[in-house]
C-alpha atoms as a PDB file:
ATOM      1  CA  UNK A   1      12.825  14.785 -29.172  1.00  0.00           C
ATOM      2  CA  UNK A   2      16.463  13.875 -29.727  1.00  0.00           C
ATOM      3  CA  UNK A   3      17.607  11.154 -27.344  1.00  0.00           C
ATOM      4  CA  UNK A   4      21.221  10.709 -28.472  1.00  0.00           C
ATOM      5  CA  UNK A   5      22.338   7.123 -28.027  1.00  0.00           C
ATOM      6  CA  UNK A   6      19.238   6.132 -26.076  1.00  0.00           C
ATOM      7  CA  UNK A   7      17.037   3.529 -27.669  1.00  0.00           C
ATOM      8  CA  UNK A   8      13.461   3.897 -28.801  1.00  0.00           C
ATOM      9  CA  UNK A   9      11.140   4.174 -25.836  1.00  0.00           C
ATOM     10  CA  UNK A  10      13.899   5.238 -23.433  1.00  0.00           C
ATOM     11  CA  UNK A  11      11.987   8.337 -22.381  1.00  0.00           C
ATOM     12  CA  UNK A  12       8.879   6.298 -21.582  1.00  0.00           C
ATOM     13  CA  UNK A  13      11.026   3.772 -19.703  1.00  0.00           C
ATOM     14  CA  UNK A  14      12.411   6.617 -17.604  1.00  0.00           C
ATOM     15  CA  UNK A  15       8.902   7.906 -16.864  1.00  0.00           C
ATOM     16  CA  UNK A  16       7.676   4.406 -15.962  1.00  0.00           C
ATOM     17  CA  UNK A  17      10.656   3.842 -13.662  1.00  0.00           C
ATOM     18  CA  UNK A  18      10.111   7.182 -11.918  1.00  0.00           C
ATOM     19  CA  UNK A  19       6.432   6.389 -11.312  1.00  0.00           C
ATOM     20  CA  UNK A  20       7.254   2.858 -10.112  1.00  0.00           C
ATOM     21  CA  UNK A  21       9.832   4.270  -7.673  1.00  0.00           C
ATOM     22  CA  UNK A  22       7.315   6.776  -6.284  1.00  0.00           C
ATOM     23  CA  UNK A  23       4.656   4.071  -5.829  1.00  0.00           C
ATOM     24  CA  UNK A  24       7.129   1.770  -4.068  1.00  0.00           C
ATOM     25  CA  UNK A  25       8.331   4.618  -1.823  1.00  0.00           C
ATOM     26  CA  UNK A  26       4.711   5.391  -0.872  1.00  0.00           C
ATOM     27  CA  UNK A  27       3.961   1.722  -0.158  1.00  0.00           C
ATOM     28  CA  UNK A  28       7.045   1.432   2.038  1.00  0.00           C
ATOM     29  CA  UNK A  29       5.919   4.433   4.103  1.00  0.00           C
ATOM     30  CA  UNK A  30       2.484   2.950   4.865  1.00  0.00           C
ATOM     31  CA  UNK A  31       1.994   1.991   8.483  1.00  0.00           C
ATOM     32  CA  UNK A  32       0.985  -1.522   9.415  1.00  0.00           C
ATOM     33  CA  UNK A  33      -0.865  -2.897  12.404  1.00  0.00           C
ATOM     34  CA  UNK A  34      -3.530  -1.290  14.565  1.00  0.00           C
ATOM     35  CA  UNK A  35      -3.992   2.462  14.401  1.00  0.00           C
ATOM     36  CA  UNK A  36      -3.990   4.885  17.303  1.00  0.00           C
ATOM     37  CA  UNK A  37      -7.155   6.405  18.736  1.00  0.00           C
ATOM     38  CA  UNK A  38      -5.402   9.770  19.260  1.00  0.00           C
ATOM     39  CA  UNK A  39      -2.796  11.585  17.142  1.00  0.00           C
ATOM     40  CA  UNK A  40       0.725  10.969  18.393  1.00  0.00           C
ATOM     41  CA  UNK A  41       1.747  14.585  17.663  1.00  0.00           C
ATOM     42  CA  UNK A  42      -1.191  16.758  18.810  1.00  0.00           C
ATOM     43  CA  UNK A  43      -3.270  14.202  20.792  1.00  0.00           C
ATOM     44  CA  UNK A  44      -6.422  15.022  18.792  1.00  0.00           C
ATOM     45  CA  UNK A  45      -8.891  12.135  18.482  1.00  0.00           C
ATOM     46  CA  UNK A  46      -8.665  10.159  15.233  1.00  0.00           C
ATOM     47  CA  UNK A  47     -12.139   9.263  13.916  1.00  0.00           C
ATOM     48  CA  UNK A  48     -13.036   5.585  13.629  1.00  0.00           C
ATOM     49  CA  UNK A  49     -13.648   5.985   9.889  1.00  0.00           C
ATOM     50  CA  UNK A  50     -10.047   7.192   9.384  1.00  0.00           C
ATOM     51  CA  UNK A  51      -8.672   4.342  11.508  1.00  0.00           C
ATOM     52  CA  UNK A  52     -10.657   1.894   9.383  1.00  0.00           C
ATOM     53  CA  UNK A  53      -9.648   3.474   6.053  1.00  0.00           C
ATOM     54  CA  UNK A  54      -5.933   3.869   6.883  1.00  0.00           C
ATOM     55  CA  UNK A  55      -4.466   0.794   8.603  1.00  0.00           C
ATOM     56  CA  UNK A  56      -1.854   1.723  11.201  1.00  0.00           C
ATOM     57  CA  UNK A  57      -2.821   5.409  11.214  1.00  0.00           C
ATOM     58  CA  UNK A  58      -0.822   7.395  13.751  1.00  0.00           C
ATOM     59  CA  UNK A  59      -1.565  11.024  12.824  1.00  0.00           C
ATOM     60  CA  UNK A  60      -4.702  13.122  12.492  1.00  0.00           C
ATOM     61  CA  UNK A  61      -5.476  14.625   9.068  1.00  0.00           C
ATOM     62  CA  UNK A  62      -3.947  18.028   9.896  1.00  0.00           C
ATOM     63  CA  UNK A  63      -0.681  16.572  11.225  1.00  0.00           C
ATOM     64  CA  UNK A  64      -0.465  14.087   8.348  1.00  0.00           C
ATOM     65  CA  UNK A  65      -0.928  16.891   5.821  1.00  0.00           C
ATOM     66  CA  UNK A  66       1.830  18.967   7.452  1.00  0.00           C
ATOM     67  CA  UNK A  67       4.105  15.915   7.508  1.00  0.00           C
ATOM     68  CA  UNK A  68       3.446  15.144   3.833  1.00  0.00           C
ATOM     69  CA  UNK A  69       4.147  18.729   2.756  1.00  0.00           C
ATOM     70  CA  UNK A  70       7.542  18.806   4.475  1.00  0.00           C
ATOM     71  CA  UNK A  71       8.475  15.325   3.213  1.00  0.00           C
ATOM     72  CA  UNK A  72       7.680  16.183  -0.426  1.00  0.00           C
ATOM     73  CA  UNK A  73       9.976  19.228  -0.448  1.00  0.00           C
ATOM     74  CA  UNK A  74      13.141  17.156  -0.939  1.00  0.00           C
ATOM     75  CA  UNK A  75      11.985  14.918  -3.788  1.00  0.00           C
ATOM     76  CA  UNK A  76      13.571  15.102  -7.217  1.00  0.00           C
ATOM     77  CA  UNK A  77      14.079  12.807 -10.185  1.00  0.00           C
ATOM     78  CA  UNK A  78      17.306  10.876  -9.586  1.00  0.00           C
ATOM     79  CA  UNK A  79      17.019   9.133 -12.953  1.00  0.00           C
ATOM     80  CA  UNK A  80      17.136  12.327 -14.966  1.00  0.00           C
ATOM     81  CA  UNK A  81      19.549  12.668 -17.840  1.00  0.00           C
ATOM     82  CA  UNK A  82      23.017  14.027 -17.168  1.00  0.00           C
ATOM     83  CA  UNK A  83      22.104  17.249 -18.974  1.00  0.00           C
ATOM     84  CA  UNK A  84      19.101  17.865 -16.719  1.00  0.00           C
ATOM     85  CA  UNK A  85      21.268  17.352 -13.629  1.00  0.00           C
ATOM     86  CA  UNK A  86      23.837  19.893 -14.820  1.00  0.00           C
ATOM     87  CA  UNK A  87      21.313  22.706 -15.126  1.00  0.00           C
END
């Protein structure tokens, strides 16, 4: 793959940076503190196993899945090359 003026390994550096950004974004979104016993959106009970596995849980599985699907719709690679942004 031709990389122009980019140095050797620049593509891998871009991939690593994109993955590191996604991991940091996910860590920043994690709740902290005690979890709720009932979902804050639909008031469904949250099982004890989920509260134990996910610290600070506030949503049931169904509401969390719906929230994650809508949040992922706006993600794109901001570190892409200028050419990929022009397309």
